[in-house]
Amino acid sequence: EQNTIEEMDYRGKRIETDLRDGTKLTRLVEVITECDLTSKLRVPAHSRLQKIHNVGLMLTKLQEEGVVLENTTQGTIESRAIVDGNYAVTLELVWSLIYQYCINQILDKKALRTEIDMQQRQLRKRFKLKDSTYDNDEGFVLRLTNRRLSVDERLFYNSSV
């Protein structure tokens, strides 16, 4: 006898709608982390509370795995935003998964380091900044860029795959 999880179609067409109930995302994280999560899902997830539970289950596992769940516009990635179909937050989550589990298969670490160094040098030259100069207005752009590059670099170098 099959249950709801076994009968589910995990293909998706629209990121902001297909991932809202948390079942597909949780199954993806289950496959990546090789742990049992789907047995804890509430399916079918009809109510908002069931969906929040499912997405929360997945996010908790990702935090345990050390995945950086940082949204560049709204702080941390929260289950409510995904359940509400927030495209930007859902996309940030997908990219976080790619960074954590797939980036080593996509990028060369040496090439990434070279690119980051080049971008930082170009920004410093453009804004005529020294390495330690961050308190002027132009330094704001450099601070933001360095922050984003350091997050990307940290995700890349700490990725588990």
N, C-alpha and C. Protein backbone atom coordinates (compact mmCIF):
# COMPACT_ATOMS: atom_id res chain seq x y z
N GLU A 1 0.83 -1.18 0.00
CA GLU A 1 0.00 0.00 0.00
C GLU A 1 0.88 1.25 0.00
N GLN A 2 0.63 2.14 -0.94
CA GLN A 2 1.40 3.37 -1.04
C GLN A 2 0.81 4.45 -0.15
N ASN A 3 1.72 5.32 0.33
CA ASN A 3 1.23 6.46 1.10
C ASN A 3 1.34 7.73 0.25
N THR A 4 0.92 8.84 0.81
CA THR A 4 0.89 10.10 0.06
C THR A 4 2.27 10.51 -0.44
N ILE A 5 3.29 10.29 0.37
CA ILE A 5 4.66 10.66 -0.02
C ILE A 5 5.12 9.86 -1.23
N GLU A 6 4.83 8.57 -1.26
CA GLU A 6 5.25 7.72 -2.37
C GLU A 6 4.51 8.06 -3.66
N GLU A 7 3.32 8.58 -3.55
CA GLU A 7 2.53 8.93 -4.74
C GLU A 7 2.82 10.34 -5.25
N MET A 8 3.58 11.11 -4.51
CA MET A 8 3.82 12.51 -4.86
C MET A 8 4.70 12.64 -6.10
N ASP A 9 4.35 13.60 -6.93
CA ASP A 9 5.15 13.95 -8.10
C ASP A 9 6.10 15.07 -7.68
N TYR A 10 7.40 14.81 -7.70
CA TYR A 10 8.38 15.77 -7.21
C TYR A 10 8.88 16.73 -8.28
N ARG A 11 8.36 16.62 -9.48
CA ARG A 11 8.75 17.58 -10.52
C ARG A 11 8.11 18.93 -10.22
N GLY A 12 8.79 19.99 -10.65
CA GLY A 12 8.27 21.32 -10.41
C GLY A 12 8.37 22.18 -11.65
N LYS A 13 7.47 23.16 -11.72
CA LYS A 13 7.47 24.08 -12.86
C LYS A 13 7.70 25.52 -12.42
N ARG A 14 7.16 25.89 -11.26
CA ARG A 14 7.27 27.27 -10.78
C ARG A 14 7.81 27.27 -9.36
N ILE A 15 8.95 27.92 -9.19
CA ILE A 15 9.64 27.89 -7.90
C ILE A 15 8.81 28.51 -6.77
N GLU A 16 8.07 29.57 -7.07
CA GLU A 16 7.33 30.26 -6.01
C GLU A 16 6.05 29.53 -5.59
N THR A 17 5.57 28.59 -6.39
CA THR A 17 4.35 27.87 -6.00
C THR A 17 4.62 26.40 -5.67
N ASP A 18 5.50 25.76 -6.39
CA ASP A 18 5.71 24.32 -6.23
C ASP A 18 6.44 23.94 -4.95
N LEU A 19 7.11 24.88 -4.32
CA LEU A 19 7.91 24.56 -3.13
C LEU A 19 7.26 25.06 -1.84
N ARG A 20 6.08 25.63 -1.94
CA ARG A 20 5.44 26.27 -0.80
C ARG A 20 5.05 25.34 0.34
N ASP A 21 4.68 24.10 0.03
CA ASP A 21 4.22 23.22 1.11
C ASP A 21 5.37 22.50 1.81
N GLY A 22 6.59 22.63 1.30
CA GLY A 22 7.76 22.07 1.96
C GLY A 22 8.06 20.62 1.64
N THR A 23 7.15 19.92 0.98
CA THR A 23 7.39 18.48 0.75
C THR A 23 8.52 18.24 -0.25
N LYS A 24 8.55 19.00 -1.33
CA LYS A 24 9.61 18.81 -2.34
C LYS A 24 10.96 19.25 -1.80
N LEU A 25 10.98 20.37 -1.11
CA LEU A 25 12.23 20.85 -0.53
C LEU A 25 12.75 19.87 0.53
N THR A 26 11.85 19.37 1.35
CA THR A 26 12.25 18.42 2.38
C THR A 26 12.77 17.13 1.77
N ARG A 27 12.14 16.67 0.73
CA ARG A 27 12.63 15.46 0.04
C ARG A 27 14.00 15.71 -0.56
N LEU A 28 14.23 16.87 -1.13
CA LEU A 28 15.53 17.22 -1.68
C LEU A 28 16.60 17.21 -0.59
N VAL A 29 16.30 17.83 0.54
CA VAL A 29 17.26 17.87 1.65
C VAL A 29 17.47 16.46 2.21
N GLU A 30 16.44 15.66 2.22
CA GLU A 30 16.55 14.28 2.68
C GLU A 30 17.53 13.49 1.80
N VAL A 31 17.42 13.66 0.51
CA VAL A 31 18.32 12.97 -0.43
C VAL A 31 19.75 13.47 -0.27
N ILE A 32 19.91 14.79 -0.16
CA ILE A 32 21.25 15.39 -0.04
C ILE A 32 21.93 14.98 1.26
N THR A 33 21.20 15.00 2.36
CA THR A 33 21.80 14.75 3.67
C THR A 33 21.73 13.29 4.10
N GLU A 34 21.04 12.48 3.33
CA GLU A 34 20.90 11.05 3.62
C GLU A 34 20.32 10.79 5.01
N CYS A 35 19.26 11.51 5.34
CA CYS A 35 18.57 11.30 6.61
C CYS A 35 17.07 11.21 6.35
N ASP A 36 16.35 10.65 7.30
CA ASP A 36 14.91 10.49 7.14
C ASP A 36 14.18 11.74 7.63
N LEU A 37 13.59 12.45 6.70
CA LEU A 37 12.79 13.62 7.05
C LEU A 37 11.34 13.47 6.61
N THR A 38 11.10 12.75 5.52
CA THR A 38 9.73 12.69 4.98
C THR A 38 8.76 11.99 5.93
N SER A 39 9.25 11.13 6.80
CA SER A 39 8.35 10.48 7.74
C SER A 39 7.79 11.48 8.76
N LYS A 40 8.45 12.61 8.90
CA LYS A 40 8.01 13.64 9.84
C LYS A 40 7.15 14.72 9.18
N LEU A 41 6.98 14.63 7.87
CA LEU A 41 6.18 15.62 7.15
C LEU A 41 4.69 15.46 7.45
N ARG A 42 3.98 16.55 7.33
CA ARG A 42 2.52 16.52 7.44
C ARG A 42 1.97 16.64 6.03
N VAL A 43 1.53 15.50 5.51
CA VAL A 43 1.02 15.46 4.14
C VAL A 43 -0.34 14.77 4.10
N PRO A 44 -1.20 15.19 3.24
CA PRO A 44 -1.07 16.37 2.40
C PRO A 44 -1.15 17.63 3.26
N ALA A 45 -0.37 18.61 2.89
CA ALA A 45 -0.29 19.86 3.65
C ALA A 45 -1.31 20.85 3.10
N HIS A 46 -2.47 20.86 3.71
CA HIS A 46 -3.53 21.76 3.25
C HIS A 46 -3.50 23.10 3.99
N SER A 47 -3.22 23.05 5.29
CA SER A 47 -3.25 24.28 6.07
C SER A 47 -1.90 24.98 6.08
N ARG A 48 -1.95 26.25 6.37
CA ARG A 48 -0.72 27.05 6.47
C ARG A 48 0.19 26.50 7.57
N LEU A 49 -0.37 26.09 8.69
CA LEU A 49 0.44 25.55 9.78
C LEU A 49 1.18 24.28 9.38
N GLN A 50 0.52 23.42 8.62
CA GLN A 50 1.17 22.19 8.14
C GLN A 50 2.33 22.54 7.21
N LYS A 51 2.13 23.50 6.34
CA LYS A 51 3.18 23.92 5.41
C LYS A 51 4.36 24.53 6.16
N ILE A 52 4.07 25.37 7.14
CA ILE A 52 5.13 25.99 7.94
C ILE A 52 5.92 24.92 8.69
N HIS A 53 5.21 23.92 9.21
CA HIS A 53 5.88 22.80 9.88
C HIS A 53 6.83 22.09 8.92
N ASN A 54 6.36 21.79 7.72
CA ASN A 54 7.18 21.06 6.74
C ASN A 54 8.42 21.84 6.34
N VAL A 55 8.24 23.12 6.02
CA VAL A 55 9.38 23.95 5.63
C VAL A 55 10.32 24.13 6.82
N GLY A 56 9.76 24.33 8.00
CA GLY A 56 10.58 24.47 9.20
C GLY A 56 11.42 23.24 9.49
N LEU A 57 10.86 22.07 9.26
CA LEU A 57 11.58 20.81 9.44
C LEU A 57 12.82 20.78 8.54
N MET A 58 12.64 21.18 7.31
CA MET A 58 13.73 21.20 6.34
C MET A 58 14.77 22.24 6.71
N LEU A 59 14.34 23.44 7.09
CA LEU A 59 15.28 24.50 7.46
C LEU A 59 16.08 24.14 8.71
N THR A 60 15.44 23.49 9.66
CA THR A 60 16.14 23.05 10.87
C THR A 60 17.24 22.05 10.52
N LYS A 61 16.95 21.12 9.64
CA LYS A 61 17.97 20.15 9.22
C LYS A 61 19.12 20.85 8.52
N LEU A 62 18.82 21.82 7.67
CA LEU A 62 19.87 22.55 6.98
C LEU A 62 20.76 23.32 7.96
N GLN A 63 20.15 23.91 8.98
CA GLN A 63 20.93 24.61 10.00
C GLN A 63 21.84 23.63 10.74
N GLU A 64 21.33 22.45 11.05
CA GLU A 64 22.15 21.42 11.69
C GLU A 64 23.33 21.01 10.81
N GLU A 65 23.11 21.06 9.51
CA GLU A 65 24.16 20.70 8.55
C GLU A 65 25.15 21.84 8.31
N GLY A 66 24.87 23.00 8.87
CA GLY A 66 25.77 24.14 8.73
C GLY A 66 25.54 24.98 7.49
N VAL A 67 24.40 24.82 6.84
CA VAL A 67 24.09 25.63 5.67
C VAL A 67 23.78 27.05 6.12
N VAL A 68 24.38 28.02 5.47
CA VAL A 68 24.13 29.43 5.78
C VAL A 68 22.79 29.82 5.19
N LEU A 69 21.84 30.10 6.06
CA LEU A 69 20.48 30.46 5.63
C LEU A 69 20.30 31.96 5.78
N GLU A 70 21.08 32.69 5.01
CA GLU A 70 21.06 34.14 5.08
C GLU A 70 20.48 34.70 3.80
N ASN A 71 19.44 35.51 3.98
CA ASN A 71 18.82 36.17 2.84
C ASN A 71 19.41 37.57 2.74
N THR A 72 19.88 37.95 1.58
CA THR A 72 20.57 39.22 1.44
C THR A 72 19.66 40.43 1.62
N THR A 73 18.37 40.26 1.47
CA THR A 73 17.47 41.40 1.60
C THR A 73 16.69 41.41 2.91
N GLN A 74 16.43 40.25 3.49
CA GLN A 74 15.54 40.20 4.66
C GLN A 74 16.16 39.51 5.87
N GLY A 75 17.44 39.27 5.90
CA GLY A 75 18.04 38.59 7.05
C GLY A 75 18.05 37.10 6.83
N THR A 76 17.57 36.34 7.80
CA THR A 76 17.59 34.89 7.68
C THR A 76 16.40 34.39 6.87
N ILE A 77 16.59 33.24 6.28
CA ILE A 77 15.51 32.62 5.51
C ILE A 77 14.54 31.98 6.50
N GLU A 78 13.28 32.35 6.40
CA GLU A 78 12.26 31.84 7.31
C GLU A 78 11.21 31.04 6.56
N SER A 79 10.63 30.08 7.25
CA SER A 79 9.65 29.20 6.63
C SER A 79 8.42 29.96 6.14
N ARG A 80 8.00 30.98 6.86
CA ARG A 80 6.81 31.74 6.46
C ARG A 80 6.98 32.37 5.08
N ALA A 81 8.18 32.87 4.79
CA ALA A 81 8.42 33.50 3.49
C ALA A 81 8.30 32.49 2.36
N ILE A 82 8.78 31.28 2.58
CA ILE A 82 8.70 30.24 1.55
C ILE A 82 7.25 29.79 1.38
N VAL A 83 6.54 29.61 2.49
CA VAL A 83 5.13 29.22 2.44
C VAL A 83 4.30 30.30 1.75
N ASP A 84 4.66 31.56 1.95
CA ASP A 84 3.94 32.67 1.30
C ASP A 84 4.28 32.79 -0.17
N GLY A 85 5.24 32.00 -0.65
CA GLY A 85 5.60 32.03 -2.06
C GLY A 85 6.54 33.17 -2.42
N ASN A 86 7.30 33.66 -1.45
CA ASN A 86 8.25 34.73 -1.71
C ASN A 86 9.35 34.19 -2.63
N TYR A 87 9.32 34.64 -3.86
CA TYR A 87 10.22 34.13 -4.90
C TYR A 87 11.69 34.37 -4.55
N ALA A 88 12.02 35.57 -4.08
CA ALA A 88 13.41 35.92 -3.78
C ALA A 88 13.97 35.05 -2.66
N VAL A 89 13.19 34.86 -1.60
CA VAL A 89 13.65 34.05 -0.47
C VAL A 89 13.80 32.59 -0.88
N THR A 90 12.83 32.08 -1.63
CA THR A 90 12.91 30.69 -2.09
C THR A 90 14.11 30.48 -2.99
N LEU A 91 14.36 31.42 -3.87
CA LEU A 91 15.51 31.33 -4.75
C LEU A 91 16.82 31.40 -3.97
N GLU A 92 16.89 32.25 -2.94
CA GLU A 92 18.08 32.31 -2.08
C GLU A 92 18.31 30.96 -1.40
N LEU A 93 17.23 30.31 -0.96
CA LEU A 93 17.37 29.00 -0.34
C LEU A 93 17.94 27.99 -1.34
N VAL A 94 17.42 27.98 -2.54
CA VAL A 94 17.91 27.06 -3.57
C VAL A 94 19.40 27.32 -3.84
N TRP A 95 19.79 28.60 -3.93
CA TRP A 95 21.21 28.92 -4.15
C TRP A 95 22.05 28.51 -2.95
N SER A 96 21.53 28.63 -1.75
CA SER A 96 22.26 28.19 -0.56
C SER A 96 22.53 26.69 -0.63
N LEU A 97 21.54 25.94 -1.10
CA LEU A 97 21.72 24.50 -1.26
C LEU A 97 22.79 24.20 -2.32
N ILE A 98 22.74 24.95 -3.41
CA ILE A 98 23.74 24.75 -4.47
C ILE A 98 25.13 25.06 -3.93
N TYR A 99 25.27 26.18 -3.23
CA TYR A 99 26.57 26.54 -2.67
C TYR A 99 27.08 25.47 -1.71
N GLN A 100 26.21 25.01 -0.84
CA GLN A 100 26.64 24.06 0.19
C GLN A 100 26.97 22.67 -0.37
N TYR A 101 26.15 22.20 -1.30
CA TYR A 101 26.28 20.81 -1.71
C TYR A 101 26.78 20.57 -3.12
N CYS A 102 26.77 21.58 -3.98
CA CYS A 102 27.12 21.34 -5.39
C CYS A 102 28.24 22.20 -5.93
N ILE A 103 28.63 23.23 -5.22
CA ILE A 103 29.55 24.21 -5.80
C ILE A 103 30.90 23.60 -6.16
N ASN A 104 31.37 22.65 -5.38
CA ASN A 104 32.66 22.03 -5.69
C ASN A 104 32.64 21.30 -7.02
N GLN A 105 31.48 20.86 -7.45
CA GLN A 105 31.38 20.17 -8.73
C GLN A 105 31.26 21.16 -9.88
N ILE A 106 30.94 22.42 -9.57
CA ILE A 106 30.71 23.42 -10.60
C ILE A 106 31.93 24.32 -10.80
N LEU A 107 32.55 24.77 -9.71
CA LEU A 107 33.63 25.74 -9.79
C LEU A 107 34.95 25.18 -9.29
N ASP A 108 36.00 25.75 -9.80
CA ASP A 108 37.35 25.44 -9.36
C ASP A 108 37.71 26.42 -8.24
N LYS A 109 38.16 25.93 -7.08
CA LYS A 109 38.47 26.79 -5.95
C LYS A 109 39.55 27.82 -6.29
N LYS A 110 40.55 27.41 -7.00
CA LYS A 110 41.63 28.34 -7.34
C LYS A 110 41.10 29.46 -8.25
N ALA A 111 40.28 29.10 -9.20
CA ALA A 111 39.71 30.10 -10.10
C ALA A 111 38.81 31.08 -9.33
N LEU A 112 38.04 30.56 -8.38
CA LEU A 112 37.18 31.42 -7.57
C LEU A 112 38.01 32.39 -6.75
N ARG A 113 39.07 31.90 -6.11
CA ARG A 113 39.94 32.76 -5.30
C ARG A 113 40.55 33.87 -6.17
N THR A 114 40.99 33.51 -7.36
CA THR A 114 41.57 34.48 -8.29
C THR A 114 40.53 35.53 -8.67
N GLU A 115 39.32 35.11 -8.97
CA GLU A 115 38.25 36.04 -9.34
C GLU A 115 37.90 36.97 -8.19
N ILE A 116 37.79 36.46 -6.98
CA ILE A 116 37.48 37.29 -5.81
C ILE A 116 38.58 38.33 -5.60
N ASP A 117 39.83 37.90 -5.67
CA ASP A 117 40.95 38.84 -5.50
C ASP A 117 40.92 39.92 -6.57
N MET A 118 40.66 39.55 -7.80
CA MET A 118 40.62 40.51 -8.90
C MET A 118 39.49 41.53 -8.69
N GLN A 119 38.31 41.05 -8.30
CA GLN A 119 37.18 41.94 -8.07
C GLN A 119 37.47 42.92 -6.93
N GLN A 120 38.08 42.44 -5.87
CA GLN A 120 38.41 43.32 -4.75
C GLN A 120 39.45 44.36 -5.17
N ARG A 121 40.45 43.97 -5.94
CA ARG A 121 41.46 44.93 -6.42
C ARG A 121 40.81 46.00 -7.30
N GLN A 122 39.93 45.58 -8.19
CA GLN A 122 39.27 46.53 -9.08
C GLN A 122 38.40 47.52 -8.30
N LEU A 123 37.70 47.04 -7.29
CA LEU A 123 36.88 47.94 -6.47
C LEU A 123 37.75 48.93 -5.72
N ARG A 124 38.84 48.45 -5.15
CA ARG A 124 39.73 49.34 -4.42
C ARG A 124 40.31 50.41 -5.35
N LYS A 125 40.70 49.99 -6.55
CA LYS A 125 41.27 50.93 -7.52
C LYS A 125 40.21 51.95 -7.96
N ARG A 126 39.02 51.45 -8.23
CA ARG A 126 37.94 52.33 -8.70
C ARG A 126 37.59 53.40 -7.67
N PHE A 127 37.55 53.00 -6.41
CA PHE A 127 37.20 53.95 -5.36
C PHE A 127 38.41 54.52 -4.65
N LYS A 128 39.61 54.21 -5.19
CA LYS A 128 40.87 54.73 -4.65
C LYS A 128 40.97 54.48 -3.15
N LEU A 129 40.71 53.24 -2.77
CA LEU A 129 40.73 52.87 -1.36
C LEU A 129 41.93 52.00 -1.05
N LYS A 130 42.41 52.15 0.17
CA LYS A 130 43.43 51.24 0.66
C LYS A 130 42.71 50.04 1.25
N ASP A 131 43.45 49.00 1.57
CA ASP A 131 42.83 47.78 2.11
C ASP A 131 42.01 48.06 3.36
N SER A 132 42.46 48.98 4.19
CA SER A 132 41.79 49.19 5.47
C SER A 132 40.84 50.39 5.48
N THR A 133 40.64 51.03 4.36
CA THR A 133 39.80 52.23 4.32
C THR A 133 38.35 51.84 4.02
N TYR A 134 37.52 51.92 5.06
CA TYR A 134 36.11 51.57 4.90
C TYR A 134 35.19 52.64 5.49
N ASP A 135 35.71 53.73 6.07
CA ASP A 135 34.82 54.67 6.74
C ASP A 135 34.29 55.80 5.87
N ASN A 136 34.66 55.90 4.63
CA ASN A 136 34.10 56.96 3.79
C ASN A 136 32.89 56.43 3.00
N ASP A 137 32.21 57.32 2.31
CA ASP A 137 31.00 56.93 1.59
C ASP A 137 31.28 55.90 0.51
N GLU A 138 32.39 56.08 -0.21
CA GLU A 138 32.72 55.13 -1.27
C GLU A 138 33.03 53.74 -0.71
N GLY A 139 33.52 53.72 0.52
CA GLY A 139 33.84 52.45 1.17
C GLY A 139 32.62 51.60 1.42
N PHE A 140 31.45 52.22 1.43
CA PHE A 140 30.21 51.49 1.64
C PHE A 140 30.02 50.40 0.58
N VAL A 141 30.26 50.75 -0.67
CA VAL A 141 30.13 49.78 -1.76
C VAL A 141 31.12 48.65 -1.57
N LEU A 142 32.35 48.99 -1.21
CA LEU A 142 33.37 47.98 -1.00
C LEU A 142 33.00 47.06 0.16
N ARG A 143 32.48 47.65 1.23
CA ARG A 143 32.07 46.83 2.38
C ARG A 143 30.99 45.83 1.98
N LEU A 144 29.98 46.31 1.26
CA LEU A 144 28.90 45.42 0.83
C LEU A 144 29.42 44.32 -0.09
N THR A 145 30.27 44.70 -1.02
CA THR A 145 30.80 43.72 -1.96
C THR A 145 31.69 42.71 -1.24
N ASN A 146 32.55 43.19 -0.36
CA ASN A 146 33.40 42.27 0.39
C ASN A 146 32.57 41.34 1.25
N ARG A 147 31.49 41.87 1.82
CA ARG A 147 30.61 41.03 2.64
C ARG A 147 30.01 39.91 1.79
N ARG A 148 29.50 40.27 0.61
CA ARG A 148 28.89 39.27 -0.27
C ARG A 148 29.94 38.27 -0.76
N LEU A 149 31.12 38.77 -1.13
CA LEU A 149 32.17 37.87 -1.58
C LEU A 149 32.62 36.95 -0.46
N SER A 150 32.72 37.46 0.76
CA SER A 150 33.17 36.61 1.86
C SER A 150 32.12 35.56 2.20
N VAL A 151 30.84 35.91 2.08
CA VAL A 151 29.78 34.91 2.30
C VAL A 151 29.87 33.83 1.23
N ASP A 152 29.99 34.26 -0.04
CA ASP A 152 30.10 33.30 -1.13
C ASP A 152 31.34 32.42 -0.96
N GLU A 153 32.46 33.05 -0.59
CA GLU A 153 33.70 32.30 -0.43
C GLU A 153 33.59 31.33 0.74
N ARG A 154 32.98 31.78 1.86
CA ARG A 154 32.83 30.91 3.02
C ARG A 154 31.95 29.71 2.66
N LEU A 155 30.87 29.97 1.94
CA LEU A 155 29.99 28.87 1.52
C LEU A 155 30.75 27.89 0.64
N PHE A 156 31.55 28.44 -0.27
CA PHE A 156 32.28 27.59 -1.21
C PHE A 156 33.34 26.75 -0.51
N TYR A 157 34.14 27.38 0.30
CA TYR A 157 35.24 26.67 0.93
C TYR A 157 34.79 25.75 2.06
N ASN A 158 33.60 25.98 2.62
CA ASN A 158 33.10 25.12 3.67
C ASN A 158 32.08 24.10 3.18
N SER A 159 31.89 24.05 1.87
CA SER A 159 30.87 23.13 1.34
C SER A 159 31.32 21.69 1.57
N SER A 160 30.34 20.82 1.77
CA SER A 160 30.64 19.45 2.18
C SER A 160 30.90 18.50 1.02
N VAL A 161 30.51 18.86 -0.19
CA VAL A 161 30.69 17.95 -1.31
C VAL A 161 31.95 18.30 -2.06
